[in-house]
Amino acid sequence: MAKEFFLKNHIPYVEVDVAEDDKALEEMVHKSHQMGVPVVDIDGEIFVGFDRGGIAKALGVS
């Protein structure tokens, strides 16, 4: 759902597969204090799971 939202709103994003990248997994856990995905980092504001409202507000889209 997050990827679909970004594509629909023409928001560039970088997808990282934490199942394949141990360093990225470590960084994700450090930032979010959780193992759940997705973790979305918008200028240091962390969203765990797909929080459509919070992500839209942080990006200034509707």
PDB file of N, CA and C in Angstrom:
ATOM      1  N   MET A   1       0.815  -1.186   0.000  1.00  0.00           N
ATOM      2  CA  MET A   1       0.000   0.000   0.000  1.00  0.00           C
ATOM      3  C   MET A   1       0.869   1.264   0.000  1.00  0.00           C
ATOM      4  N   ALA A   2       1.983   1.221   0.723  1.00  0.00           N
ATOM      5  CA  ALA A   2       2.860   2.385   0.771  1.00  0.00           C
ATOM      6  C   ALA A   2       3.420   2.686  -0.620  1.00  0.00           C
ATOM      7  N   LYS A   3       3.903   1.664  -1.313  1.00  0.00           N
ATOM      8  CA  LYS A   3       4.468   1.877  -2.649  1.00  0.00           C
ATOM      9  C   LYS A   3       3.411   2.441  -3.589  1.00  0.00           C
ATOM     10  N   GLU A   4       2.195   1.904  -3.519  1.00  0.00           N
ATOM     11  CA  GLU A   4       1.101   2.380  -4.362  1.00  0.00           C
ATOM     12  C   GLU A   4       0.807   3.854  -4.072  1.00  0.00           C
ATOM     13  N   PHE A   5       0.798   4.211  -2.794  1.00  0.00           N
ATOM     14  CA  PHE A   5       0.551   5.592  -2.391  1.00  0.00           C
ATOM     15  C   PHE A   5       1.629   6.515  -2.955  1.00  0.00           C
ATOM     16  N   PHE A   6       2.891   6.127  -2.828  1.00  0.00           N
ATOM     17  CA  PHE A   6       3.984   6.955  -3.336  1.00  0.00           C
ATOM     18  C   PHE A   6       3.897   7.114  -4.852  1.00  0.00           C
ATOM     19  N   LEU A   7       3.623   6.027  -5.553  1.00  0.00           N
ATOM     20  CA  LEU A   7       3.509   6.088  -7.010  1.00  0.00           C
ATOM     21  C   LEU A   7       2.348   6.976  -7.429  1.00  0.00           C
ATOM     22  N   LYS A   8       1.192   6.797  -6.803  1.00  0.00           N
ATOM     23  CA  LYS A   8      -0.008   7.580  -7.131  1.00  0.00           C
ATOM     24  C   LYS A   8       0.243   9.071  -6.938  1.00  0.00           C
ATOM     25  N   ASN A   9       1.018   9.424  -5.927  1.00  0.00           N
ATOM     26  CA  ASN A   9       1.268  10.824  -5.600  1.00  0.00           C
ATOM     27  C   ASN A   9       2.591  11.341  -6.157  1.00  0.00           C
ATOM     28  N   HIS A  10       3.231  10.537  -7.018  1.00  0.00           N
ATOM     29  CA  HIS A  10       4.488  10.922  -7.671  1.00  0.00           C
ATOM     30  C   HIS A  10       5.564  11.304  -6.655  1.00  0.00           C
ATOM     31  N   ILE A  11       5.653  10.500  -5.597  1.00  0.00           N
ATOM     32  CA  ILE A  11       6.643  10.710  -4.547  1.00  0.00           C
ATOM     33  C   ILE A  11       7.792   9.730  -4.778  1.00  0.00           C
ATOM     34  N   PRO A  12       8.996  10.224  -5.034  1.00  0.00           N
ATOM     35  CA  PRO A  12      10.127   9.300  -5.187  1.00  0.00           C
ATOM     36  C   PRO A  12      10.439   8.642  -3.845  1.00  0.00           C
ATOM     37  N   TYR A  13      10.846   7.388  -3.907  1.00  0.00           N
ATOM     38  CA  TYR A  13      11.181   6.659  -2.684  1.00  0.00           C
ATOM     39  C   TYR A  13      12.262   5.639  -2.989  1.00  0.00           C
ATOM     40  N   VAL A  14      12.907   5.183  -1.931  1.00  0.00           N
ATOM     41  CA  VAL A  14      13.919   4.138  -2.049  1.00  0.00           C
ATOM     42  C   VAL A  14      13.401   2.952  -1.260  1.00  0.00           C
ATOM     43  N   GLU A  15      13.282   1.816  -1.924  1.00  0.00           N
ATOM     44  CA  GLU A  15      12.838   0.588  -1.268  1.00  0.00           C
ATOM     45  C   GLU A  15      14.060  -0.211  -0.848  1.00  0.00           C
ATOM     46  N   VAL A  16      14.069  -0.657   0.402  1.00  0.00           N
ATOM     47  CA  VAL A  16      15.169  -1.459   0.919  1.00  0.00           C
ATOM     48  C   VAL A  16      14.587  -2.756   1.453  1.00  0.00           C
ATOM     49  N   ASP A  17      15.119  -3.878   1.005  1.00  0.00           N
ATOM     50  CA  ASP A  17      14.658  -5.190   1.454  1.00  0.00           C
ATOM     51  C   ASP A  17      15.471  -5.609   2.676  1.00  0.00           C
ATOM     52  N   VAL A  18      14.901  -5.397   3.862  1.00  0.00           N
ATOM     53  CA  VAL A  18      15.627  -5.695   5.094  1.00  0.00           C
ATOM     54  C   VAL A  18      15.793  -7.198   5.319  1.00  0.00           C
ATOM     55  N   ALA A  19      15.072  -8.011   4.571  1.00  0.00           N
ATOM     56  CA  ALA A  19      15.258  -9.459   4.657  1.00  0.00           C
ATOM     57  C   ALA A  19      16.564  -9.873   3.973  1.00  0.00           C
ATOM     58  N   GLU A  20      17.045  -9.031   3.066  1.00  0.00           N
ATOM     59  CA  GLU A  20      18.263  -9.329   2.308  1.00  0.00           C
ATOM     60  C   GLU A  20      19.465  -8.485   2.738  1.00  0.00           C
ATOM     61  N   ASP A  21      19.222  -7.403   3.486  1.00  0.00           N
ATOM     62  CA  ASP A  21      20.283  -6.451   3.813  1.00  0.00           C
ATOM     63  C   ASP A  21      20.373  -6.300   5.338  1.00  0.00           C
ATOM     64  N   ASP A  22      21.341  -6.991   5.936  1.00  0.00           N
ATOM     65  CA  ASP A  22      21.482  -6.991   7.398  1.00  0.00           C
ATOM     66  C   ASP A  22      21.750  -5.599   7.962  1.00  0.00           C
ATOM     67  N   LYS A  23      22.547  -4.807   7.269  1.00  0.00           N
ATOM     68  CA  LYS A  23      22.845  -3.458   7.737  1.00  0.00           C
ATOM     69  C   LYS A  23      21.576  -2.593   7.727  1.00  0.00           C
ATOM     70  N   ALA A  24      20.774  -2.743   6.690  1.00  0.00           N
ATOM     71  CA  ALA A  24      19.521  -1.995   6.602  1.00  0.00           C
ATOM     72  C   ALA A  24      18.555  -2.443   7.690  1.00  0.00           C
ATOM     73  N   LEU A  25      18.530  -3.736   7.992  1.00  0.00           N
ATOM     74  CA  LEU A  25      17.682  -4.249   9.065  1.00  0.00           C
ATOM     75  C   LEU A  25      18.089  -3.631  10.399  1.00  0.00           C
ATOM     76  N   GLU A  26      19.378  -3.581  10.648  1.00  0.00           N
ATOM     77  CA  GLU A  26      19.891  -2.988  11.887  1.00  0.00           C
ATOM     78  C   GLU A  26      19.500  -1.512  11.979  1.00  0.00           C
ATOM     79  N   GLU A  27      19.629  -0.793  10.881  1.00  0.00           N
ATOM     80  CA  GLU A  27      19.267   0.629  10.857  1.00  0.00           C
ATOM     81  C   GLU A  27      17.761   0.810  11.100  1.00  0.00           C
ATOM     82  N   MET A  28      16.945  -0.045  10.485  1.00  0.00           N
ATOM     83  CA  MET A  28      15.499   0.035  10.651  1.00  0.00           C
ATOM     84  C   MET A  28      15.108  -0.171  12.111  1.00  0.00           C
ATOM     85  N   VAL A  29      15.681  -1.182  12.748  1.00  0.00           N
ATOM     86  CA  VAL A  29      15.372  -1.471  14.149  1.00  0.00           C
ATOM     87  C   VAL A  29      15.850  -0.328  15.037  1.00  0.00           C
ATOM     88  N   HIS A  30      17.005   0.233  14.724  1.00  0.00           N
ATOM     89  CA  HIS A  30      17.535   1.364  15.494  1.00  0.00           C
ATOM     90  C   HIS A  30      16.593   2.567  15.413  1.00  0.00           C
ATOM     91  N   LYS A  31      16.083   2.849  14.211  1.00  0.00           N
ATOM     92  CA  LYS A  31      15.204   4.005  14.015  1.00  0.00           C
ATOM     93  C   LYS A  31      13.813   3.779  14.582  1.00  0.00           C
ATOM     94  N   SER A  32      13.259   2.587  14.384  1.00  0.00           N
ATOM     95  CA  SER A  32      11.856   2.349  14.725  1.00  0.00           C
ATOM     96  C   SER A  32      11.657   1.604  16.037  1.00  0.00           C
ATOM     97  N   HIS A  33      12.717   0.965  16.535  1.00  0.00           N
ATOM     98  CA  HIS A  33      12.647   0.137  17.739  1.00  0.00           C
ATOM     99  C   HIS A  33      11.666  -1.022  17.560  1.00  0.00           C
ATOM    100  N   GLN A  34      11.457  -1.435  16.319  1.00  0.00           N
ATOM    101  CA  GLN A  34      10.538  -2.521  16.013  1.00  0.00           C
ATOM    102  C   GLN A  34      11.063  -3.326  14.830  1.00  0.00           C
ATOM    103  N   MET A  35      10.448  -4.498  14.639  1.00  0.00           N
ATOM    104  CA  MET A  35      10.807  -5.352  13.507  1.00  0.00           C
ATOM    105  C   MET A  35       9.758  -5.301  12.403  1.00  0.00           C
ATOM    106  N   GLY A  36       8.652  -4.566  12.620  1.00  0.00           N
ATOM    107  CA  GLY A  36       7.573  -4.518  11.640  1.00  0.00           C
ATOM    108  C   GLY A  36       7.947  -3.712  10.413  1.00  0.00           C
ATOM    109  N   VAL A  37       7.354  -4.073   9.306  1.00  0.00           N
ATOM    110  CA  VAL A  37       7.545  -3.327   8.060  1.00  0.00           C
ATOM    111  C   VAL A  37       6.176  -2.989   7.496  1.00  0.00           C
ATOM    112  N   PRO A  38       6.025  -1.969   6.721  1.00  0.00           N
ATOM    113  CA  PRO A  38       7.092  -1.079   6.308  1.00  0.00           C
ATOM    114  C   PRO A  38       7.446  -0.069   7.391  1.00  0.00           C
ATOM    115  N   VAL A  39       8.658   0.431   7.302  1.00  0.00           N
ATOM    116  CA  VAL A  39       9.083   1.577   8.099  1.00  0.00           C
ATOM    117  C   VAL A  39       9.369   2.677   7.084  1.00  0.00           C
ATOM    118  N   VAL A  40       8.699   3.795   7.249  1.00  0.00           N
ATOM    119  CA  VAL A  40       8.857   4.925   6.339  1.00  0.00           C
ATOM    120  C   VAL A  40       9.533   6.052   7.115  1.00  0.00           C
ATOM    121  N   ASP A  41      10.636   6.534   6.579  1.00  0.00           N
ATOM    122  CA  ASP A  41      11.394   7.623   7.191  1.00  0.00           C
ATOM    123  C   ASP A  41      11.263   8.842   6.288  1.00  0.00           C
ATOM    124  N   ILE A  42      10.573   9.863   6.789  1.00  0.00           N
ATOM    125  CA  ILE A  42      10.401  11.095   6.032  1.00  0.00           C
ATOM    126  C   ILE A  42      11.111  12.197   6.806  1.00  0.00           C
ATOM    127  N   ASP A  43      12.297  12.529   6.352  1.00  0.00           N
ATOM    128  CA  ASP A  43      13.109  13.568   7.001  1.00  0.00           C
ATOM    129  C   ASP A  43      13.251  13.326   8.498  1.00  0.00           C
ATOM    130  N   GLY A  44      13.474  12.072   8.873  1.00  0.00           N
ATOM    131  CA  GLY A  44      13.690  11.721  10.273  1.00  0.00           C
ATOM    132  C   GLY A  44      12.432  11.409  11.056  1.00  0.00           C
ATOM    133  N   GLU A  45      11.264  11.656  10.472  1.00  0.00           N
ATOM    134  CA  GLU A  45       9.999  11.278  11.115  1.00  0.00           C
ATOM    135  C   GLU A  45       9.696   9.840  10.702  1.00  0.00           C
ATOM    136  N   ILE A  46       9.556   8.955  11.688  1.00  0.00           N
ATOM    137  CA  ILE A  46       9.435   7.518  11.426  1.00  0.00           C
ATOM    138  C   ILE A  46       7.977   7.078  11.537  1.00  0.00           C
ATOM    139  N   PHE A  47       7.537   6.345  10.537  1.00  0.00           N
ATOM    140  CA  PHE A  47       6.209   5.740  10.522  1.00  0.00           C
ATOM    141  C   PHE A  47       6.387   4.234  10.418  1.00  0.00           C
ATOM    142  N   VAL A  48       5.804   3.507  11.357  1.00  0.00           N
ATOM    143  CA  VAL A  48       5.847   2.041  11.320  1.00  0.00           C
ATOM    144  C   VAL A  48       4.485   1.581  10.839  1.00  0.00           C
ATOM    145  N   GLY A  49       4.493   0.796   9.764  1.00  0.00           N
ATOM    146  CA  GLY A  49       3.241   0.427   9.128  1.00  0.00           C
ATOM    147  C   GLY A  49       2.840   1.530   8.167  1.00  0.00           C
ATOM    148  N   PHE A  50       1.762   1.301   7.455  1.00  0.00           N
ATOM    149  CA  PHE A  50       1.324   2.296   6.482  1.00  0.00           C
ATOM    150  C   PHE A  50       0.297   3.208   7.132  1.00  0.00           C
ATOM    151  N   ASP A  51       0.754   4.354   7.593  1.00  0.00           N
ATOM    152  CA  ASP A  51      -0.079   5.383   8.211  1.00  0.00           C
ATOM    153  C   ASP A  51      -0.374   6.428   7.144  1.00  0.00           C
ATOM    154  N   ARG A  52      -1.399   6.161   6.341  1.00  0.00           N
ATOM    155  CA  ARG A  52      -1.711   7.021   5.198  1.00  0.00           C
ATOM    156  C   ARG A  52      -1.842   8.490   5.609  1.00  0.00           C
ATOM    157  N   GLY A  53      -2.587   8.763   6.673  1.00  0.00           N
ATOM    158  CA  GLY A  53      -2.812  10.131   7.105  1.00  0.00           C
ATOM    159  C   GLY A  53      -1.534  10.813   7.557  1.00  0.00           C
ATOM    160  N   GLY A  54      -0.761  10.139   8.369  1.00  0.00           N
ATOM    161  CA  GLY A  54       0.488  10.709   8.869  1.00  0.00           C
ATOM    162  C   GLY A  54       1.500  10.932   7.771  1.00  0.00           C
ATOM    163  N   ILE A  55       1.611   9.970   6.868  1.00  0.00           N
ATOM    164  CA  ILE A  55       2.560  10.079   5.760  1.00  0.00           C
ATOM    165  C   ILE A  55       2.132  11.204   4.814  1.00  0.00           C
ATOM    166  N   ALA A  56       0.841  11.278   4.499  1.00  0.00           N
ATOM    167  CA  ALA A  56       0.338  12.338   3.623  1.00  0.00           C
ATOM    168  C   ALA A  56       0.612  13.707   4.232  1.00  0.00           C
ATOM    169  N   LYS A  57       0.366  13.844   5.526  1.00  0.00           N
ATOM    170  CA  LYS A  57       0.606  15.124   6.211  1.00  0.00           C
ATOM    171  C   LYS A  57       2.093  15.482   6.163  1.00  0.00           C
ATOM    172  N   ALA A  58       2.956  14.510   6.450  1.00  0.00           N
ATOM    173  CA  ALA A  58       4.402  14.763   6.447  1.00  0.00           C
ATOM    174  C   ALA A  58       4.899  15.159   5.057  1.00  0.00           C
ATOM    175  N   LEU A  59       4.247  14.643   4.026  1.00  0.00           N
ATOM    176  CA  LEU A  59       4.662  14.946   2.657  1.00  0.00           C
ATOM    177  C   LEU A  59       3.917  16.132   2.061  1.00  0.00           C
ATOM    178  N   GLY A  60       2.877  16.591   2.754  1.00  0.00           N
ATOM    179  CA  GLY A  60       2.093  17.715   2.237  1.00  0.00           C
ATOM    180  C   GLY A  60       1.227  17.348   1.051  1.00  0.00           C
ATOM    181  N   VAL A  61       0.730  16.103   1.030  1.00  0.00           N
ATOM    182  CA  VAL A  61      -0.186  15.670  -0.034  1.00  0.00           C
ATOM    183  C   VAL A  61      -1.499  15.230   0.592  1.00  0.00           C
ATOM    184  N   SER A  62      -2.535  15.095  -0.239  1.00  0.00           N
ATOM    185  CA  SER A  62      -3.826  14.664   0.300  1.00  0.00           C
ATOM    186  C   SER A  62      -4.159  13.254  -0.104  1.00  0.00           C
TER     187      SER A  62
END
